[in-house]
Amino acid sequence: MKYRTVFDIIGPVMIGPSSSHTAGAARIGKAARSIFGKKPRRADITLYGSFAQTYRGHGTDIALAGGLLDFDTFDKRMVDALEIAKQGGIDIHFHESDELTDHPNTARIRLEDDDGRIMEIVGVSIGGGKMEIVELNGFKLSLTGTNPVLLVLHQDRYGVVAHVASILAKHEINIGFMHVSRKEKGSQALMSIETDQPIDKNVESEVKALEEIHAVAIL
């Protein structure tokens, strides 16, 4: 069930005009920034469906930029996000696509830092200011940001999942939902773990220190 309270339907406190085209878009951008873990140097954003058709009029471009700056939906700086991003050294490019997608409010965000590290996510705005991350670097996901999430990119080897779960258990963090996907046997795999308790930096550091771990992020 996507909506749990009336506030999920009304939408969040936000800089307008549209909960789906601005607040939802801002949260997609903010999630991308959180997963990337730092301010990007460049962002290439491809918009699909309704996003591509109306993004300038509805402020979707401003909202996505604000999210990449780590602004909340109600941050008054949101209206100047594109200029603030430019001044802050983030080179943002928007691209429109007529390719059909599963959801009309879809954005593909490709981020790059000064060291050449690249990350790509696909997010959809599902209404009422809510969003969902459905893809990360080619791995299929279903993340709403409602609960804390630990993302672990790792080598597909036996024991890795058990070691990560053991660290969470040691810190008395309960796993609400876990999904593990891989592109092929023995290659890279992605763990997506939703938890009932917040995940702090100590947990992140311990997971990063494990063998076969490539990257860790908290959403």
N, C-alpha and C. Protein backbone atom coordinates (compact mmCIF):
# COMPACT_ATOMS: atom_id res chain seq x y z
N MET A 1 0.85 -1.19 0.00
CA MET A 1 0.00 0.00 0.00
C MET A 1 0.88 1.24 0.00
N LYS A 2 0.72 2.11 -0.99
CA LYS A 2 1.58 3.26 -1.16
C LYS A 2 1.29 4.36 -0.14
N TYR A 3 0.02 4.58 0.21
CA TYR A 3 -0.36 5.67 1.08
C TYR A 3 -0.83 5.14 2.42
N ARG A 4 -0.24 5.63 3.51
CA ARG A 4 -0.58 5.15 4.83
C ARG A 4 -1.36 6.18 5.64
N THR A 5 -1.22 7.48 5.32
CA THR A 5 -1.94 8.53 6.02
C THR A 5 -2.43 9.54 5.00
N VAL A 6 -3.35 10.41 5.45
CA VAL A 6 -3.87 11.45 4.56
C VAL A 6 -2.76 12.39 4.11
N PHE A 7 -1.70 12.54 4.93
CA PHE A 7 -0.61 13.43 4.55
C PHE A 7 0.21 12.89 3.39
N ASP A 8 0.18 11.58 3.19
CA ASP A 8 0.85 11.01 2.03
C ASP A 8 0.14 11.41 0.75
N ILE A 9 -1.18 11.64 0.83
CA ILE A 9 -1.97 12.03 -0.34
C ILE A 9 -1.87 13.53 -0.58
N ILE A 10 -1.99 14.31 0.51
CA ILE A 10 -1.92 15.77 0.40
C ILE A 10 -0.53 16.17 -0.06
N GLY A 11 0.48 15.49 0.46
CA GLY A 11 1.85 15.81 0.11
C GLY A 11 2.56 16.51 1.25
N PRO A 12 3.87 16.73 1.10
CA PRO A 12 4.68 17.30 2.18
C PRO A 12 4.63 18.82 2.18
N VAL A 13 5.18 19.41 3.25
CA VAL A 13 5.43 20.85 3.23
C VAL A 13 6.50 21.09 2.19
N MET A 14 6.23 22.00 1.25
CA MET A 14 7.15 22.09 0.11
C MET A 14 7.06 23.44 -0.56
N ILE A 15 8.08 23.70 -1.38
CA ILE A 15 8.05 24.80 -2.33
C ILE A 15 7.36 24.27 -3.58
N GLY A 16 6.24 24.88 -4.02
CA GLY A 16 5.39 24.36 -5.09
C GLY A 16 6.04 24.38 -6.46
N PRO A 17 5.22 24.14 -7.53
CA PRO A 17 3.76 24.12 -7.49
C PRO A 17 3.12 22.73 -7.39
N SER A 18 3.87 21.64 -7.57
CA SER A 18 3.25 20.32 -7.68
C SER A 18 3.96 19.33 -6.78
N SER A 19 3.18 18.54 -6.03
CA SER A 19 3.81 17.56 -5.15
C SER A 19 4.55 16.50 -5.94
N SER A 20 4.01 16.10 -7.08
CA SER A 20 4.65 15.04 -7.86
C SER A 20 5.81 15.57 -8.69
N HIS A 21 5.66 16.77 -9.25
CA HIS A 21 6.69 17.29 -10.15
C HIS A 21 7.77 18.08 -9.43
N THR A 22 7.51 18.54 -8.21
CA THR A 22 8.54 19.28 -7.48
C THR A 22 8.99 18.53 -6.23
N ALA A 23 8.08 18.28 -5.29
CA ALA A 23 8.48 17.61 -4.05
C ALA A 23 9.01 16.20 -4.33
N GLY A 24 8.30 15.44 -5.16
CA GLY A 24 8.77 14.10 -5.51
C GLY A 24 10.10 14.14 -6.22
N ALA A 25 10.24 15.11 -7.13
CA ALA A 25 11.50 15.25 -7.87
C ALA A 25 12.64 15.63 -6.93
N ALA A 26 12.36 16.53 -5.99
CA ALA A 26 13.39 16.93 -5.02
C ALA A 26 13.87 15.74 -4.21
N ARG A 27 12.94 14.88 -3.85
CA ARG A 27 13.31 13.71 -3.06
C ARG A 27 14.09 12.69 -3.88
N ILE A 28 13.82 12.61 -5.17
CA ILE A 28 14.64 11.76 -6.04
C ILE A 28 16.06 12.28 -6.07
N GLY A 29 16.20 13.60 -6.26
CA GLY A 29 17.53 14.20 -6.28
C GLY A 29 18.26 14.04 -4.97
N LYS A 30 17.54 14.22 -3.86
CA LYS A 30 18.15 14.09 -2.54
C LYS A 30 18.59 12.65 -2.27
N ALA A 31 17.78 11.68 -2.72
CA ALA A 31 18.15 10.28 -2.57
C ALA A 31 19.41 9.97 -3.38
N ALA A 32 19.49 10.52 -4.60
CA ALA A 32 20.67 10.30 -5.43
C ALA A 32 21.92 10.86 -4.74
N ARG A 33 21.79 12.06 -4.17
CA ARG A 33 22.92 12.68 -3.46
C ARG A 33 23.32 11.81 -2.26
N SER A 34 22.34 11.31 -1.53
CA SER A 34 22.62 10.49 -0.35
C SER A 34 23.35 9.21 -0.72
N ILE A 35 22.89 8.54 -1.77
CA ILE A 35 23.52 7.29 -2.20
C ILE A 35 24.93 7.56 -2.74
N PHE A 36 25.09 8.66 -3.48
CA PHE A 36 26.39 9.01 -4.04
C PHE A 36 27.38 9.35 -2.93
N GLY A 37 26.86 9.97 -1.85
CA GLY A 37 27.68 10.21 -0.68
C GLY A 37 28.46 11.50 -0.65
N LYS A 38 28.33 12.33 -1.69
CA LYS A 38 29.07 13.59 -1.73
C LYS A 38 28.49 14.47 -2.83
N LYS A 39 28.92 15.71 -2.87
CA LYS A 39 28.48 16.62 -3.93
C LYS A 39 29.09 16.18 -5.26
N PRO A 40 28.28 15.98 -6.28
CA PRO A 40 28.83 15.58 -7.58
C PRO A 40 29.44 16.77 -8.32
N ARG A 41 30.32 16.45 -9.25
CA ARG A 41 30.86 17.50 -10.11
C ARG A 41 29.95 17.74 -11.31
N ARG A 42 29.34 16.67 -11.80
CA ARG A 42 28.48 16.76 -12.98
C ARG A 42 27.26 15.86 -12.78
N ALA A 43 26.13 16.34 -13.28
CA ALA A 43 24.90 15.54 -13.24
C ALA A 43 24.23 15.61 -14.60
N ASP A 44 24.03 14.45 -15.21
CA ASP A 44 23.25 14.35 -16.44
C ASP A 44 21.92 13.72 -16.08
N ILE A 45 20.84 14.48 -16.30
CA ILE A 45 19.50 14.05 -15.88
C ILE A 45 18.62 13.89 -17.10
N THR A 46 18.18 12.67 -17.35
CA THR A 46 17.27 12.39 -18.46
C THR A 46 15.86 12.26 -17.91
N LEU A 47 14.94 13.01 -18.50
CA LEU A 47 13.55 13.04 -18.05
C LEU A 47 12.66 12.33 -19.06
N TYR A 48 11.68 11.60 -18.54
CA TYR A 48 10.78 10.81 -19.37
C TYR A 48 9.33 11.19 -19.08
N GLY A 49 8.46 10.91 -20.05
CA GLY A 49 7.03 11.07 -19.85
C GLY A 49 6.63 12.48 -19.49
N SER A 50 5.79 12.61 -18.47
CA SER A 50 5.31 13.91 -18.03
C SER A 50 6.44 14.81 -17.56
N PHE A 51 7.43 14.22 -16.91
CA PHE A 51 8.59 15.01 -16.49
C PHE A 51 9.23 15.71 -17.69
N ALA A 52 9.41 14.99 -18.78
CA ALA A 52 10.06 15.55 -19.96
C ALA A 52 9.21 16.64 -20.61
N GLN A 53 7.90 16.49 -20.55
CA GLN A 53 7.00 17.42 -21.23
C GLN A 53 6.79 18.72 -20.46
N THR A 54 6.83 18.66 -19.14
CA THR A 54 6.42 19.83 -18.35
C THR A 54 7.44 20.28 -17.31
N TYR A 55 8.68 19.79 -17.38
CA TYR A 55 9.59 20.00 -16.26
C TYR A 55 9.94 21.46 -16.02
N ARG A 56 10.03 22.28 -17.07
CA ARG A 56 10.35 23.69 -16.84
C ARG A 56 9.18 24.43 -16.19
N GLY A 57 7.99 24.20 -16.67
CA GLY A 57 6.83 24.89 -16.14
C GLY A 57 6.49 24.48 -14.72
N HIS A 58 6.77 23.22 -14.36
CA HIS A 58 6.44 22.73 -13.03
C HIS A 58 7.62 22.76 -12.07
N GLY A 59 8.75 23.25 -12.53
CA GLY A 59 9.90 23.37 -11.63
C GLY A 59 10.60 22.08 -11.30
N THR A 60 10.41 21.06 -12.14
CA THR A 60 11.05 19.78 -11.88
C THR A 60 12.57 19.90 -11.95
N ASP A 61 13.06 20.71 -12.88
CA ASP A 61 14.51 20.90 -13.01
C ASP A 61 15.09 21.57 -11.76
N ILE A 62 14.38 22.56 -11.24
CA ILE A 62 14.82 23.24 -10.02
C ILE A 62 14.80 22.28 -8.84
N ALA A 63 13.73 21.47 -8.75
CA ALA A 63 13.58 20.55 -7.63
C ALA A 63 14.67 19.48 -7.64
N LEU A 64 14.97 18.92 -8.80
CA LEU A 64 16.02 17.91 -8.90
C LEU A 64 17.37 18.50 -8.50
N ALA A 65 17.64 19.73 -8.96
CA ALA A 65 18.89 20.39 -8.59
C ALA A 65 18.94 20.63 -7.09
N GLY A 66 17.81 21.06 -6.52
CA GLY A 66 17.77 21.27 -5.08
C GLY A 66 18.02 20.00 -4.30
N GLY A 67 17.45 18.89 -4.77
CA GLY A 67 17.70 17.61 -4.13
C GLY A 67 19.17 17.23 -4.17
N LEU A 68 19.82 17.47 -5.32
CA LEU A 68 21.24 17.16 -5.44
C LEU A 68 22.09 18.04 -4.52
N LEU A 69 21.54 19.21 -4.16
CA LEU A 69 22.21 20.09 -3.19
C LEU A 69 21.89 19.69 -1.75
N ASP A 70 21.08 18.64 -1.59
CA ASP A 70 20.67 18.13 -0.28
C ASP A 70 19.67 19.04 0.41
N PHE A 71 18.89 19.81 -0.38
CA PHE A 71 17.85 20.66 0.19
C PHE A 71 16.61 19.82 0.50
N ASP A 72 15.91 20.15 1.59
CA ASP A 72 14.62 19.55 1.87
C ASP A 72 13.56 20.20 0.98
N THR A 73 12.39 19.57 0.89
CA THR A 73 11.33 20.05 0.00
C THR A 73 10.85 21.44 0.37
N PHE A 74 10.97 21.82 1.65
CA PHE A 74 10.47 23.12 2.10
C PHE A 74 11.55 24.20 2.15
N ASP A 75 12.76 23.87 1.74
CA ASP A 75 13.88 24.82 1.80
C ASP A 75 13.64 25.98 0.84
N LYS A 76 13.65 27.20 1.34
CA LYS A 76 13.37 28.38 0.52
C LYS A 76 14.44 28.63 -0.54
N ARG A 77 15.60 28.01 -0.38
CA ARG A 77 16.65 28.15 -1.39
C ARG A 77 16.33 27.34 -2.65
N MET A 78 15.31 26.50 -2.57
CA MET A 78 14.97 25.62 -3.68
C MET A 78 14.75 26.40 -4.98
N VAL A 79 14.12 27.57 -4.89
CA VAL A 79 13.79 28.33 -6.10
C VAL A 79 15.04 28.81 -6.84
N ASP A 80 16.17 28.88 -6.14
CA ASP A 80 17.43 29.32 -6.76
C ASP A 80 18.41 28.17 -6.91
N ALA A 81 17.90 26.94 -6.86
CA ALA A 81 18.77 25.77 -6.81
C ALA A 81 19.69 25.66 -8.03
N LEU A 82 19.17 25.95 -9.20
CA LEU A 82 20.01 25.82 -10.40
C LEU A 82 21.20 26.77 -10.35
N GLU A 83 20.97 27.99 -9.91
CA GLU A 83 22.05 28.97 -9.83
C GLU A 83 23.01 28.61 -8.69
N ILE A 84 22.46 28.15 -7.56
CA ILE A 84 23.32 27.75 -6.43
C ILE A 84 24.19 26.56 -6.83
N ALA A 85 23.61 25.62 -7.56
CA ALA A 85 24.38 24.47 -8.03
C ALA A 85 25.52 24.91 -8.95
N LYS A 86 25.21 25.82 -9.85
CA LYS A 86 26.23 26.32 -10.78
C LYS A 86 27.36 27.00 -10.02
N GLN A 87 27.00 27.85 -9.06
CA GLN A 87 28.00 28.55 -8.26
C GLN A 87 28.82 27.58 -7.41
N GLY A 88 28.19 26.46 -7.03
CA GLY A 88 28.87 25.47 -6.21
C GLY A 88 29.68 24.46 -7.00
N GLY A 89 29.75 24.64 -8.31
CA GLY A 89 30.59 23.77 -9.13
C GLY A 89 29.93 22.50 -9.61
N ILE A 90 28.58 22.43 -9.55
CA ILE A 90 27.87 21.27 -10.07
C ILE A 90 27.37 21.59 -11.47
N ASP A 91 27.85 20.88 -12.45
CA ASP A 91 27.49 21.09 -13.85
C ASP A 91 26.30 20.18 -14.18
N ILE A 92 25.10 20.76 -14.26
CA ILE A 92 23.87 19.98 -14.45
C ILE A 92 23.36 20.13 -15.88
N HIS A 93 23.07 19.00 -16.51
CA HIS A 93 22.52 18.99 -17.86
C HIS A 93 21.23 18.18 -17.88
N PHE A 94 20.20 18.74 -18.50
CA PHE A 94 18.91 18.04 -18.60
C PHE A 94 18.70 17.56 -20.03
N HIS A 95 18.17 16.35 -20.16
CA HIS A 95 17.90 15.74 -21.44
C HIS A 95 16.47 15.23 -21.45
N GLU A 96 15.77 15.44 -22.55
CA GLU A 96 14.39 14.96 -22.68
C GLU A 96 14.38 13.70 -23.54
N SER A 97 13.59 12.71 -23.12
CA SER A 97 13.49 11.46 -23.87
C SER A 97 12.02 11.13 -24.11
N ASP A 98 11.73 10.63 -25.31
CA ASP A 98 10.37 10.17 -25.60
C ASP A 98 10.24 8.65 -25.44
N GLU A 99 11.27 8.03 -24.88
CA GLU A 99 11.23 6.59 -24.62
C GLU A 99 10.13 6.28 -23.60
N LEU A 100 9.39 5.21 -23.84
CA LEU A 100 8.33 4.83 -22.92
C LEU A 100 8.92 4.19 -21.66
N THR A 101 8.37 4.57 -20.50
CA THR A 101 8.79 4.00 -19.23
C THR A 101 7.57 3.47 -18.48
N ASP A 102 7.82 2.73 -17.41
CA ASP A 102 6.71 2.16 -16.64
C ASP A 102 5.91 3.22 -15.92
N HIS A 103 6.55 4.36 -15.61
CA HIS A 103 5.86 5.44 -14.89
C HIS A 103 6.12 6.76 -15.62
N PRO A 104 5.10 7.63 -15.73
CA PRO A 104 5.26 8.87 -16.49
C PRO A 104 6.20 9.88 -15.86
N ASN A 105 6.37 9.85 -14.54
CA ASN A 105 7.25 10.81 -13.87
C ASN A 105 8.57 10.13 -13.50
N THR A 106 9.40 9.93 -14.51
CA THR A 106 10.64 9.17 -14.33
C THR A 106 11.86 10.03 -14.64
N ALA A 107 12.89 9.91 -13.81
CA ALA A 107 14.15 10.62 -14.05
C ALA A 107 15.31 9.66 -13.89
N ARG A 108 16.23 9.69 -14.84
CA ARG A 108 17.48 8.93 -14.75
C ARG A 108 18.59 9.93 -14.46
N ILE A 109 19.29 9.73 -13.35
CA ILE A 109 20.32 10.68 -12.92
C ILE A 109 21.68 10.00 -12.94
N ARG A 110 22.58 10.56 -13.71
CA ARG A 110 23.95 10.05 -13.79
C ARG A 110 24.88 11.07 -13.14
N LEU A 111 25.54 10.67 -12.06
CA LEU A 111 26.40 11.58 -11.30
C LEU A 111 27.86 11.19 -11.47
N GLU A 112 28.73 12.21 -11.47
CA GLU A 112 30.16 11.98 -11.59
C GLU A 112 30.89 12.93 -10.65
N ASP A 113 31.95 12.45 -9.99
CA ASP A 113 32.72 13.33 -9.12
C ASP A 113 34.06 13.68 -9.75
N ASP A 114 34.89 14.41 -9.02
CA ASP A 114 36.16 14.89 -9.55
C ASP A 114 37.14 13.76 -9.83
N ASP A 115 36.93 12.61 -9.19
CA ASP A 115 37.83 11.47 -9.38
C ASP A 115 37.36 10.55 -10.51
N GLY A 116 36.25 10.93 -11.17
CA GLY A 116 35.74 10.11 -12.26
C GLY A 116 34.82 8.99 -11.82
N ARG A 117 34.48 8.94 -10.53
CA ARG A 117 33.52 7.92 -10.07
C ARG A 117 32.13 8.25 -10.59
N ILE A 118 31.44 7.25 -11.09
CA ILE A 118 30.14 7.45 -11.74
C ILE A 118 29.09 6.59 -11.06
N MET A 119 27.92 7.16 -10.87
CA MET A 119 26.77 6.42 -10.35
C MET A 119 25.54 6.82 -11.14
N GLU A 120 24.66 5.88 -11.39
CA GLU A 120 23.43 6.17 -12.14
C GLU A 120 22.24 5.55 -11.41
N ILE A 121 21.21 6.36 -11.17
CA ILE A 121 19.99 5.85 -10.56
C ILE A 121 18.79 6.23 -11.42
N VAL A 122 17.72 5.49 -11.26
CA VAL A 122 16.44 5.83 -11.88
C VAL A 122 15.42 5.98 -10.76
N GLY A 123 14.74 7.12 -10.73
CA GLY A 123 13.73 7.38 -9.72
C GLY A 123 12.41 7.78 -10.35
N VAL A 124 11.32 7.46 -9.67
CA VAL A 124 9.99 7.84 -10.14
C VAL A 124 9.27 8.58 -9.03
N SER A 125 8.50 9.59 -9.40
CA SER A 125 7.67 10.32 -8.46
C SER A 125 6.27 9.74 -8.54
N ILE A 126 5.79 9.17 -7.43
CA ILE A 126 4.56 8.38 -7.48
C ILE A 126 3.35 9.12 -6.93
N GLY A 127 3.50 10.43 -6.67
CA GLY A 127 2.37 11.24 -6.22
C GLY A 127 2.44 11.56 -4.75
N GLY A 128 1.84 12.69 -4.38
CA GLY A 128 1.82 13.09 -2.98
C GLY A 128 3.18 13.41 -2.41
N GLY A 129 4.13 13.74 -3.27
CA GLY A 129 5.48 14.03 -2.81
C GLY A 129 6.32 12.80 -2.54
N LYS A 130 5.78 11.61 -2.82
CA LYS A 130 6.51 10.37 -2.57
C LYS A 130 7.29 9.96 -3.81
N MET A 131 8.37 9.26 -3.59
CA MET A 131 9.20 8.79 -4.71
C MET A 131 9.65 7.38 -4.46
N GLU A 132 10.21 6.78 -5.51
CA GLU A 132 10.75 5.43 -5.41
C GLU A 132 11.98 5.33 -6.30
N ILE A 133 13.06 4.80 -5.76
CA ILE A 133 14.25 4.51 -6.55
C ILE A 133 14.11 3.09 -7.08
N VAL A 134 14.11 2.95 -8.41
CA VAL A 134 13.82 1.64 -9.00
C VAL A 134 15.04 0.99 -9.66
N GLU A 135 16.14 1.74 -9.74
CA GLU A 135 17.34 1.16 -10.36
C GLU A 135 18.58 1.89 -9.85
N LEU A 136 19.65 1.14 -9.62
CA LEU A 136 20.94 1.71 -9.22
C LEU A 136 22.04 0.97 -9.97
N ASN A 137 22.74 1.71 -10.84
CA ASN A 137 23.84 1.12 -11.62
C ASN A 137 23.44 -0.18 -12.31
N GLY A 138 22.21 -0.21 -12.81
CA GLY A 138 21.74 -1.38 -13.55
C GLY A 138 21.07 -2.44 -12.70
N PHE A 139 21.15 -2.30 -11.38
CA PHE A 139 20.49 -3.24 -10.48
C PHE A 139 19.07 -2.75 -10.20
N LYS A 140 18.10 -3.64 -10.27
CA LYS A 140 16.71 -3.29 -9.98
C LYS A 140 16.51 -3.15 -8.48
N LEU A 141 15.76 -2.10 -8.09
CA LEU A 141 15.50 -1.82 -6.69
C LEU A 141 14.04 -1.42 -6.51
N SER A 142 13.65 -1.25 -5.25
CA SER A 142 12.36 -0.68 -4.92
C SER A 142 12.50 0.01 -3.57
N LEU A 143 13.06 1.23 -3.60
CA LEU A 143 13.35 1.98 -2.39
C LEU A 143 12.50 3.24 -2.34
N THR A 144 11.80 3.43 -1.22
CA THR A 144 10.96 4.62 -1.06
C THR A 144 11.58 5.63 -0.11
N GLY A 145 12.57 5.24 0.67
CA GLY A 145 13.15 6.14 1.65
C GLY A 145 12.31 6.27 2.90
N THR A 146 11.22 5.49 3.01
CA THR A 146 10.37 5.56 4.19
C THR A 146 11.10 5.04 5.43
N ASN A 147 11.86 3.97 5.26
CA ASN A 147 12.65 3.38 6.35
C ASN A 147 14.14 3.51 6.03
N PRO A 148 14.99 3.46 7.06
CA PRO A 148 16.44 3.46 6.78
C PRO A 148 16.82 2.29 5.88
N VAL A 149 17.73 2.54 4.96
CA VAL A 149 18.16 1.50 4.02
C VAL A 149 19.69 1.47 3.95
N LEU A 150 20.23 0.28 4.04
CA LEU A 150 21.66 0.07 3.85
C LEU A 150 21.87 -0.56 2.49
N LEU A 151 22.64 0.11 1.64
CA LEU A 151 22.96 -0.41 0.32
C LEU A 151 24.41 -0.88 0.32
N VAL A 152 24.64 -2.10 -0.11
CA VAL A 152 25.98 -2.68 -0.10
C VAL A 152 26.28 -3.28 -1.47
N LEU A 153 27.25 -2.70 -2.16
CA LEU A 153 27.72 -3.25 -3.43
C LEU A 153 28.90 -4.16 -3.12
N HIS A 154 28.82 -5.41 -3.54
CA HIS A 154 29.82 -6.37 -3.13
C HIS A 154 30.05 -7.42 -4.20
N GLN A 155 31.12 -8.18 -4.01
CA GLN A 155 31.38 -9.31 -4.91
C GLN A 155 30.44 -10.45 -4.55
N ASP A 156 29.96 -11.14 -5.55
CA ASP A 156 29.03 -12.26 -5.33
C ASP A 156 29.83 -13.47 -4.83
N ARG A 157 29.98 -13.53 -3.50
CA ARG A 157 30.73 -14.62 -2.87
C ARG A 157 29.93 -15.14 -1.68
N TYR A 158 30.10 -16.41 -1.36
CA TYR A 158 29.39 -16.98 -0.21
C TYR A 158 29.87 -16.31 1.08
N GLY A 159 28.95 -16.11 2.01
CA GLY A 159 29.29 -15.58 3.32
C GLY A 159 29.18 -14.07 3.46
N VAL A 160 29.17 -13.33 2.35
CA VAL A 160 29.14 -11.86 2.43
C VAL A 160 27.84 -11.39 3.07
N VAL A 161 26.71 -11.93 2.62
CA VAL A 161 25.42 -11.53 3.16
C VAL A 161 25.35 -11.84 4.65
N ALA A 162 25.83 -13.00 5.05
CA ALA A 162 25.80 -13.41 6.46
C ALA A 162 26.65 -12.48 7.32
N HIS A 163 27.81 -12.05 6.80
CA HIS A 163 28.68 -11.17 7.57
C HIS A 163 28.03 -9.81 7.79
N VAL A 164 27.37 -9.28 6.77
CA VAL A 164 26.68 -7.99 6.91
C VAL A 164 25.53 -8.12 7.90
N ALA A 165 24.76 -9.18 7.79
CA ALA A 165 23.65 -9.41 8.72
C ALA A 165 24.16 -9.55 10.15
N SER A 166 25.31 -10.14 10.35
CA SER A 166 25.88 -10.30 11.68
C SER A 166 26.24 -8.96 12.31
N ILE A 167 26.75 -8.06 11.49
CA ILE A 167 27.08 -6.72 12.00
C ILE A 167 25.81 -5.99 12.44
N LEU A 168 24.76 -6.10 11.66
CA LEU A 168 23.50 -5.46 12.04
C LEU A 168 22.97 -6.07 13.33
N ALA A 169 23.06 -7.39 13.46
CA ALA A 169 22.58 -8.05 14.68
C ALA A 169 23.39 -7.61 15.90
N LYS A 170 24.69 -7.46 15.73
CA LYS A 170 25.54 -7.02 16.83
C LYS A 170 25.13 -5.65 17.36
N HIS A 171 24.67 -4.80 16.45
CA HIS A 171 24.23 -3.45 16.83
C HIS A 171 22.73 -3.40 17.14
N GLU A 172 22.12 -4.57 17.26
CA GLU A 172 20.69 -4.69 17.60
C GLU A 172 19.80 -3.94 16.60
N ILE A 173 20.13 -4.09 15.33
CA ILE A 173 19.36 -3.49 14.25
C ILE A 173 18.58 -4.61 13.55
N ASN A 174 17.26 -4.48 13.55
CA ASN A 174 16.41 -5.52 12.97
C ASN A 174 16.19 -5.27 11.48
N ILE A 175 16.31 -6.33 10.70
CA ILE A 175 16.09 -6.25 9.25
C ILE A 175 14.61 -6.42 8.96
N GLY A 176 14.00 -5.40 8.33
CA GLY A 176 12.60 -5.48 7.95
C GLY A 176 12.40 -6.12 6.59
N PHE A 177 13.35 -5.82 5.67
CA PHE A 177 13.26 -6.38 4.32
C PHE A 177 14.65 -6.38 3.72
N MET A 178 14.99 -7.46 3.04
CA MET A 178 16.29 -7.56 2.37
C MET A 178 16.11 -8.09 0.96
N HIS A 179 16.84 -7.46 0.02
CA HIS A 179 16.82 -7.95 -1.36
C HIS A 179 18.26 -7.98 -1.87
N VAL A 180 18.65 -9.08 -2.47
CA VAL A 180 19.98 -9.21 -3.05
C VAL A 180 19.84 -9.54 -4.53
N SER A 181 20.52 -8.76 -5.36
CA SER A 181 20.46 -9.01 -6.80
C SER A 181 21.88 -9.02 -7.38
N ARG A 182 22.06 -9.75 -8.46
CA ARG A 182 23.35 -9.80 -9.13
C ARG A 182 23.12 -9.83 -10.63
N LYS A 183 24.12 -9.35 -11.36
CA LYS A 183 23.99 -9.33 -12.81
C LYS A 183 24.33 -10.70 -13.41
N GLU A 184 25.28 -11.37 -12.80
CA GLU A 184 25.60 -12.74 -13.20
C GLU A 184 26.38 -13.40 -12.06
N LYS A 185 26.41 -14.71 -12.05
CA LYS A 185 27.05 -15.47 -10.98
C LYS A 185 28.53 -15.10 -10.85
N GLY A 186 28.93 -14.76 -9.62
CA GLY A 186 30.32 -14.45 -9.35
C GLY A 186 30.73 -13.02 -9.66
N SER A 187 29.81 -12.21 -10.18
CA SER A 187 30.15 -10.82 -10.50
C SER A 187 29.71 -9.92 -9.34
N GLN A 188 29.49 -8.65 -9.62
CA GLN A 188 29.02 -7.74 -8.58
C GLN A 188 27.57 -8.05 -8.20
N ALA A 189 27.27 -7.81 -6.94
CA ALA A 189 25.91 -7.98 -6.44
C ALA A 189 25.56 -6.77 -5.57
N LEU A 190 24.29 -6.56 -5.36
CA LEU A 190 23.82 -5.42 -4.56
C LEU A 190 22.86 -5.91 -3.50
N MET A 191 23.19 -5.60 -2.25
CA MET A 191 22.29 -5.84 -1.12
C MET A 191 21.52 -4.56 -0.82
N SER A 192 20.22 -4.68 -0.67
CA SER A 192 19.37 -3.58 -0.23
C SER A 192 18.66 -4.04 1.03
N ILE A 193 18.98 -3.41 2.17
CA ILE A 193 18.48 -3.86 3.46
C ILE A 193 17.71 -2.73 4.14
N GLU A 194 16.40 -2.89 4.29
CA GLU A 194 15.59 -1.94 5.05
C GLU A 194 15.58 -2.37 6.52
N THR A 195 15.77 -1.41 7.41
CA THR A 195 15.87 -1.73 8.83
C THR A 195 14.82 -0.97 9.65
N ASP A 196 14.56 -1.48 10.84
CA ASP A 196 13.60 -0.84 11.74
C ASP A 196 14.25 0.27 12.56
N GLN A 197 15.57 0.23 12.70
CA GLN A 197 16.29 1.24 13.47
C GLN A 197 17.23 2.02 12.55
N PRO A 198 17.60 3.23 12.98
CA PRO A 198 18.57 4.00 12.20
C PRO A 198 19.91 3.29 12.11
N ILE A 199 20.63 3.55 11.03
CA ILE A 199 21.95 2.95 10.82
C ILE A 199 22.98 4.06 10.95
N ASP A 200 23.92 3.91 11.89
CA ASP A 200 24.89 4.99 12.09
C ASP A 200 26.20 4.71 11.35
N LYS A 201 27.11 5.66 11.45
CA LYS A 201 28.37 5.58 10.71
C LYS A 201 29.26 4.43 11.19
N ASN A 202 29.13 4.03 12.44
CA ASN A 202 29.92 2.91 12.94
C ASN A 202 29.57 1.62 12.20
N VAL A 203 28.26 1.43 11.97
CA VAL A 203 27.83 0.25 11.21
C VAL A 203 28.37 0.33 9.79
N GLU A 204 28.24 1.50 9.19
CA GLU A 204 28.73 1.68 7.81
C GLU A 204 30.22 1.36 7.72
N SER A 205 31.00 1.84 8.69
CA SER A 205 32.45 1.60 8.67
C SER A 205 32.79 0.12 8.82
N GLU A 206 32.05 -0.58 9.68
CA GLU A 206 32.30 -2.01 9.89
C GLU A 206 31.97 -2.81 8.64
N VAL A 207 30.90 -2.45 7.96
CA VAL A 207 30.53 -3.15 6.73
C VAL A 207 31.57 -2.88 5.65
N LYS A 208 32.03 -1.62 5.56
CA LYS A 208 33.04 -1.28 4.55
C LYS A 208 34.34 -2.06 4.76
N ALA A 209 34.63 -2.40 6.00
CA ALA A 209 35.88 -3.09 6.32
C ALA A 209 35.86 -4.57 5.97
N LEU A 210 34.69 -5.10 5.65
CA LEU A 210 34.60 -6.51 5.29
C LEU A 210 35.26 -6.77 3.93
N GLU A 211 35.74 -8.00 3.75
CA GLU A 211 36.27 -8.39 2.45
C GLU A 211 35.16 -8.48 1.42
N GLU A 212 35.49 -8.24 0.17
CA GLU A 212 34.59 -8.34 -0.97
C GLU A 212 33.56 -7.20 -1.05
N ILE A 213 33.72 -6.16 -0.20
CA ILE A 213 32.79 -5.02 -0.24
C ILE A 213 33.37 -3.94 -1.13
N HIS A 214 32.58 -3.46 -2.08
CA HIS A 214 33.03 -2.41 -3.00
C HIS A 214 32.56 -1.02 -2.58
N ALA A 215 31.34 -0.91 -2.09
CA ALA A 215 30.80 0.39 -1.70
C ALA A 215 29.64 0.19 -0.75
N VAL A 216 29.45 1.17 0.15
CA VAL A 216 28.35 1.13 1.12
C VAL A 216 27.71 2.51 1.18
N ALA A 217 26.39 2.55 1.24
CA ALA A 217 25.68 3.82 1.36
C ALA A 217 24.46 3.64 2.24
N ILE A 218 24.11 4.71 2.96
CA ILE A 218 22.92 4.71 3.82
C ILE A 218 21.92 5.69 3.23
N LEU A 219 20.69 5.23 3.04
CA LEU A 219 19.64 6.09 2.51
C LEU A 219 18.61 6.28 3.61
